[in-house]
Amino acid sequence: MELPFRAVVGDILCGEHREFRRALQSRGIPYVLTVKPSYSWYLATGGGRETLEQVVGEYPWDGEEEPGEWVALEHSFRDGHTERWWALEPTRWPFGSRSERRLVVATTDPATLPDLTTFYLFTNLPAPEPERGAANGDLAPADVAEVSRLYALRSWIEQSYKQVKNSLGWAHYQVRKDLSIRRHWQLVCCAFSLCWWACRECGEMRSSPPVVVLKDPEHPSSAATDGAVGGKKEDRHPATTPVVAAGAAEGALVAGALRNAVAILEGILRHAPASGAKEAA
């Protein structure tokens, strides 16, 4: 099964790996990768190397009233607030119309180019202008705002990777064969997808989480209270969904499945033969 995607995004480790970029390019895979401002190359005329910082320095910035070739962007954040950013796309060598890659610089301050909020991006997505999109004409074009937006998604990838690695055991495959490691990763990704879906569903339905950890198996009702939703602590209401296998004899930290697991179990019992229902009961 193939999943549609707009572009591969990656950090400096991927962006400065020439073989990685060539592999994506040879397969026609769109990418948006970041590189360091010190990234350099040999000049075509000889006489040393040139860095991205030097290239960007050739494009003047005289303030918001006279931005030159800098373009204003509006970045939206999850909490609802927006910030004004600025983007620049140098078009001289080696980033001309015949180049397979473009350089897009996104920053909060073109005057100082702060380290923490300035990104130097390589992409093979063609520019909207026909004369500049000939190199990778098979890919859908993207303006500087779209390139900047795509790279902004990388922070979510990093956040998700932290949860996958630390909470779901991405790196806990021990010593296994390559195929076994890949299977382990697939199971972890499935678990993460289920957690993400369940979390979103709970937010939309304002219900308790599908799975809770019972702190006290002898008092399973406390788990429902811990999983309640609401604002202040005194305003929270206990969950009304029953807990499956609450108070199991194994002891504390038993996962109690809520809502969906109950519905699935009821469906199995409803369609099971009479003998099977008795056994399940």
Protein backbone atom coordinates (compact mmCIF):
# COMPACT_ATOMS: atom_id res chain seq x y z
CA MET A 1 0.00 0.00 0.00
CA GLU A 2 1.32 3.44 -0.94
CA LEU A 3 0.53 6.46 1.18
CA PRO A 4 0.48 9.89 -0.51
CA PHE A 5 2.78 12.52 0.96
CA ARG A 6 3.90 16.01 0.02
CA ALA A 7 7.59 15.78 0.82
CA VAL A 8 10.22 14.15 2.99
CA VAL A 9 11.47 16.53 5.68
CA GLY A 10 14.68 16.06 7.63
CA ASP A 11 17.22 17.71 9.91
CA ILE A 12 20.84 18.69 9.29
CA LEU A 13 22.05 15.10 9.42
CA CYS A 14 19.88 14.30 6.40
CA GLY A 15 20.28 17.64 4.66
CA GLU A 16 24.08 17.58 4.55
CA HIS A 17 24.25 13.91 3.53
CA ARG A 18 24.87 14.20 -0.21
CA GLU A 19 24.22 10.53 -0.91
CA PHE A 20 20.89 10.73 0.89
CA ARG A 21 19.84 13.72 -1.20
CA ARG A 22 20.99 12.01 -4.38
CA ALA A 23 19.00 8.89 -3.50
CA LEU A 24 15.82 10.94 -3.03
CA GLN A 25 16.49 12.87 -6.21
CA SER A 26 17.13 9.76 -8.31
CA ARG A 27 13.83 8.25 -7.17
CA GLY A 28 11.86 11.42 -7.82
CA ILE A 29 11.02 11.86 -4.13
CA PRO A 30 10.33 15.47 -3.06
CA TYR A 31 12.23 16.70 -0.02
CA VAL A 32 12.73 19.69 2.27
CA LEU A 33 15.95 19.33 4.29
CA THR A 34 17.81 21.77 6.50
CA VAL A 35 21.54 22.47 6.41
CA LYS A 36 23.95 24.57 8.47
CA PRO A 37 24.62 28.18 7.43
CA SER A 38 28.28 27.18 7.12
CA TYR A 39 27.44 24.66 4.39
CA SER A 40 29.83 25.43 1.53
CA TRP A 41 30.96 24.41 -1.94
CA TYR A 42 33.84 25.17 -4.27
CA LEU A 43 33.36 28.14 -6.58
CA ALA A 44 33.01 27.32 -10.25
CA THR A 45 35.65 29.91 -11.09
CA GLY A 46 38.07 28.54 -8.51
CA GLY A 47 39.60 30.51 -5.70
CA GLY A 48 38.11 28.97 -2.60
CA ARG A 49 34.76 28.04 -1.14
CA GLU A 50 31.50 29.88 -0.57
CA THR A 51 29.02 29.42 2.27
CA LEU A 52 25.27 29.86 2.53
CA GLU A 53 25.81 32.78 4.90
CA GLN A 54 27.82 34.58 2.22
CA VAL A 55 25.12 33.99 -0.39
CA VAL A 56 22.35 35.30 1.87
CA GLY A 57 24.49 38.32 2.76
CA GLU A 58 24.29 39.47 -0.86
CA TYR A 59 20.55 40.09 -0.54
CA PRO A 60 20.01 43.38 1.34
CA TRP A 61 17.46 43.93 4.09
CA ASP A 62 16.47 47.54 4.80
CA GLY A 63 13.54 46.89 7.10
CA GLU A 64 9.94 45.83 6.61
CA GLU A 65 9.21 48.85 4.44
CA GLU A 66 12.00 47.93 2.02
CA PRO A 67 12.49 44.17 2.36
CA GLY A 68 14.15 43.72 -1.00
CA GLU A 69 13.69 40.11 -2.12
CA TRP A 70 12.61 38.95 1.33
CA VAL A 71 8.97 37.79 1.44
CA ALA A 72 6.73 38.08 4.52
CA LEU A 73 5.22 34.86 5.87
CA GLU A 74 2.64 34.19 8.57
CA HIS A 75 3.34 31.15 10.73
CA SER A 76 0.44 29.72 12.73
CA PHE A 77 0.97 27.78 15.94
CA ARG A 78 -1.12 25.17 17.71
CA ASP A 79 -2.21 27.53 20.49
CA GLY A 80 -3.72 29.85 17.89
CA HIS A 81 -1.18 32.68 17.84
CA THR A 82 0.65 33.72 14.68
CA GLU A 83 4.08 35.18 14.03
CA ARG A 84 5.53 37.08 11.11
CA TRP A 85 8.50 35.36 9.53
CA TRP A 86 10.51 36.25 6.44
CA ALA A 87 11.72 34.04 3.62
CA LEU A 88 14.32 34.46 0.91
CA GLU A 89 15.13 32.34 -2.11
CA PRO A 90 18.51 33.13 -3.71
CA THR A 91 18.40 32.54 -7.45
CA ARG A 92 22.01 32.96 -8.47
CA TRP A 93 24.53 30.15 -9.00
CA PRO A 94 24.46 27.42 -7.79
CA PHE A 95 20.71 27.80 -7.26
CA GLY A 96 19.70 28.82 -10.74
CA SER A 97 16.88 27.51 -12.94
CA ARG A 98 18.92 24.49 -14.06
CA SER A 99 19.73 23.34 -10.55
CA GLU A 100 17.93 20.29 -9.13
CA ARG A 101 17.73 21.96 -5.71
CA ARG A 102 16.55 25.28 -4.37
CA LEU A 103 17.68 27.21 -1.31
CA VAL A 104 15.00 28.78 0.88
CA VAL A 105 15.94 30.75 4.01
CA ALA A 106 13.23 31.29 6.64
CA THR A 107 13.85 33.52 9.67
CA THR A 108 12.18 35.74 12.25
CA ASP A 109 14.73 38.52 11.70
CA PRO A 110 16.53 38.99 8.36
CA ALA A 111 18.76 41.66 9.94
CA THR A 112 20.42 39.41 12.51
CA LEU A 113 19.49 35.89 11.33
CA PRO A 114 19.21 34.43 14.87
CA ASP A 115 20.52 30.88 15.20
CA LEU A 116 17.45 29.42 16.88
CA THR A 117 14.87 30.85 14.48
CA THR A 118 16.67 30.80 11.14
CA PHE A 119 16.54 27.79 8.84
CA TYR A 120 18.46 27.15 5.63
CA LEU A 121 16.44 24.70 3.55
CA PHE A 122 17.31 22.62 0.50
CA THR A 123 14.37 21.40 -1.57
CA ASN A 124 13.83 19.83 -4.98
CA LEU A 125 10.23 21.03 -5.19
CA PRO A 126 10.02 23.22 -8.29
CA ALA A 127 9.29 26.92 -8.02
CA PRO A 128 5.86 28.07 -9.26
CA GLU A 129 7.50 30.08 -12.04
CA PRO A 130 7.71 27.88 -15.19
CA GLU A 131 11.23 29.01 -16.06
CA ARG A 132 12.49 27.94 -12.62
CA GLY A 133 10.58 24.67 -12.36
CA ALA A 134 12.06 22.89 -15.35
CA ALA A 135 14.63 20.85 -13.41
CA ASN A 136 12.05 18.83 -11.44
CA GLY A 137 8.99 19.37 -13.57
CA ASP A 138 7.36 16.06 -12.51
CA LEU A 139 6.94 17.31 -8.93
CA ALA A 140 4.21 19.67 -7.80
CA PRO A 141 5.58 23.23 -7.45
CA ALA A 142 5.83 25.01 -4.09
CA ASP A 143 6.44 28.66 -3.26
CA VAL A 144 8.67 29.76 -0.37
CA ALA A 145 5.70 29.85 2.03
CA GLU A 146 4.85 26.22 1.23
CA VAL A 147 8.48 25.11 1.63
CA SER A 148 8.68 26.85 4.99
CA ARG A 149 5.38 25.32 6.12
CA LEU A 150 6.50 21.82 5.18
CA TYR A 151 9.69 22.10 7.17
CA ALA A 152 7.76 23.39 10.18
CA LEU A 153 6.13 19.96 10.37
CA ARG A 154 9.47 18.46 11.40
CA SER A 155 8.98 19.56 15.01
CA TRP A 156 6.00 17.21 15.19
CA ILE A 157 8.15 14.40 13.83
CA GLU A 158 10.73 15.02 16.56
CA GLN A 159 8.02 15.08 19.23
CA SER A 160 6.50 11.86 17.95
CA TYR A 161 9.91 10.20 17.72
CA LYS A 162 10.56 11.06 21.35
CA GLN A 163 7.35 9.32 22.39
CA VAL A 164 7.98 6.33 20.13
CA LYS A 165 11.54 5.91 21.40
CA ASN A 166 11.08 6.60 25.12
CA SER A 167 7.56 5.32 25.78
CA LEU A 168 6.89 2.61 23.21
CA GLY A 169 10.30 0.95 22.97
CA TRP A 170 11.46 1.83 19.46
CA ALA A 171 15.08 1.03 20.34
CA HIS A 172 14.33 -2.00 22.53
CA TYR A 173 14.83 -4.60 19.82
CA GLN A 174 17.98 -6.06 21.43
CA VAL A 175 20.01 -8.32 19.11
CA ARG A 176 17.81 -9.53 16.29
CA LYS A 177 17.91 -10.13 12.58
CA ASP A 178 17.22 -7.25 10.24
CA LEU A 179 13.75 -8.59 9.39
CA SER A 180 12.90 -8.97 13.07
CA ILE A 181 13.99 -5.41 13.80
CA ARG A 182 11.80 -4.12 11.01
CA ARG A 183 8.84 -6.09 12.34
CA HIS A 184 9.47 -4.67 15.79
CA TRP A 185 9.46 -1.14 14.38
CA GLN A 186 6.21 -1.83 12.54
CA LEU A 187 4.56 -2.99 15.75
CA VAL A 188 5.80 0.11 17.57
CA CYS A 189 4.48 2.36 14.79
CA CYS A 190 1.11 0.59 14.94
CA ALA A 191 0.99 1.13 18.70
CA PHE A 192 1.87 4.79 18.28
CA SER A 193 -0.81 5.26 15.60
CA LEU A 194 -3.39 3.67 17.92
CA CYS A 195 -2.36 5.97 20.78
CA TRP A 196 -2.52 9.04 18.54
CA TRP A 197 -5.96 8.08 17.23
CA ALA A 198 -7.29 7.29 20.70
CA CYS A 199 -5.98 10.57 22.12
CA ARG A 200 -7.61 12.57 19.35
CA GLU A 201 -10.89 10.69 19.73
CA CYS A 202 -10.96 11.37 23.46
CA GLY A 203 -10.39 15.06 22.81
CA GLU A 204 -13.24 15.22 20.33
CA MET A 205 -15.66 13.18 22.47
CA ARG A 206 -14.54 14.69 25.80
CA SER A 207 -14.39 11.22 27.25
CA SER A 208 -11.96 9.34 29.43
CA PRO A 209 -8.95 7.68 27.77
CA PRO A 210 -9.44 4.27 26.13
CA VAL A 211 -6.68 2.78 28.30
CA VAL A 212 -5.77 3.75 31.83
CA VAL A 213 -3.27 2.40 34.33
CA LEU A 214 -4.81 1.23 37.57
CA LYS A 215 -2.86 2.70 40.45
CA ASP A 216 -4.78 0.65 43.01
CA PRO A 217 -6.27 -2.62 41.74
CA GLU A 218 -8.34 -2.92 44.93
CA HIS A 219 -10.08 0.38 44.14
CA PRO A 220 -10.58 0.42 40.35
CA SER A 221 -12.92 3.39 40.61
CA SER A 222 -9.89 5.60 41.23
CA ALA A 223 -8.68 4.84 37.72
CA ALA A 224 -11.89 6.21 36.26
CA THR A 225 -11.51 9.38 38.31
CA ASP A 226 -7.89 9.78 37.19
CA GLY A 227 -8.99 9.46 33.58
CA ALA A 228 -11.75 12.03 33.90
CA VAL A 229 -11.76 15.12 31.77
CA GLY A 230 -12.51 18.68 32.68
CA GLY A 231 -10.90 21.93 33.72
CA LYS A 232 -10.13 22.42 37.39
CA LYS A 233 -9.68 19.40 39.60
CA GLU A 234 -12.89 20.06 41.53
CA ASP A 235 -14.84 20.37 38.26
CA ARG A 236 -13.75 17.03 36.82
CA HIS A 237 -16.39 14.36 36.51
CA PRO A 238 -15.63 10.64 36.85
CA ALA A 239 -15.77 8.46 33.77
CA THR A 240 -18.89 6.34 33.50
CA THR A 241 -17.45 3.76 31.09
CA PRO A 242 -16.89 0.35 32.71
CA VAL A 243 -13.38 -1.00 33.17
CA VAL A 244 -12.46 -4.39 31.76
CA ALA A 245 -10.47 -6.70 34.08
CA ALA A 246 -10.25 -4.08 36.82
CA GLY A 247 -8.55 -5.25 39.99
CA ALA A 248 -6.76 -8.17 38.35
CA ALA A 249 -4.77 -10.35 40.70
CA GLU A 250 -1.47 -9.56 39.00
CA GLY A 251 -1.17 -6.41 41.06
CA ALA A 252 -0.68 -2.74 40.38
CA LEU A 253 -0.07 -1.08 37.02
CA VAL A 254 -2.63 -3.22 35.22
CA ALA A 255 -3.96 -1.61 32.06
CA GLY A 256 -7.73 -1.31 32.09
CA ALA A 257 -9.29 -1.02 28.62
CA LEU A 258 -12.31 1.26 28.34
CA ARG A 259 -15.13 1.98 25.90
CA ASN A 260 -13.95 0.46 22.61
CA ALA A 261 -12.67 -2.78 24.12
CA VAL A 262 -16.03 -3.32 25.83
CA ALA A 263 -17.87 -2.82 22.54
CA ILE A 264 -15.53 -5.23 20.74
CA LEU A 265 -15.99 -7.88 23.44
CA GLU A 266 -19.77 -7.51 23.30
CA GLY A 267 -19.66 -7.95 19.53
CA ILE A 268 -17.65 -11.15 19.86
CA LEU A 269 -20.04 -12.60 22.43
CA ARG A 270 -23.07 -11.60 20.38
CA HIS A 271 -21.88 -13.44 17.27
CA ALA A 272 -20.17 -16.37 18.96
CA PRO A 273 -21.81 -19.84 19.11
CA ALA A 274 -23.61 -20.71 22.30
CA SER A 275 -20.82 -22.98 23.52
CA GLY A 276 -18.21 -20.37 22.72
CA ALA A 277 -20.19 -17.72 24.55
CA LYS A 278 -20.34 -19.87 27.64
CA GLU A 279 -16.61 -20.47 27.50
CA ALA A 280 -15.92 -16.78 27.01
CA ALA A 281 -18.22 -15.90 29.87
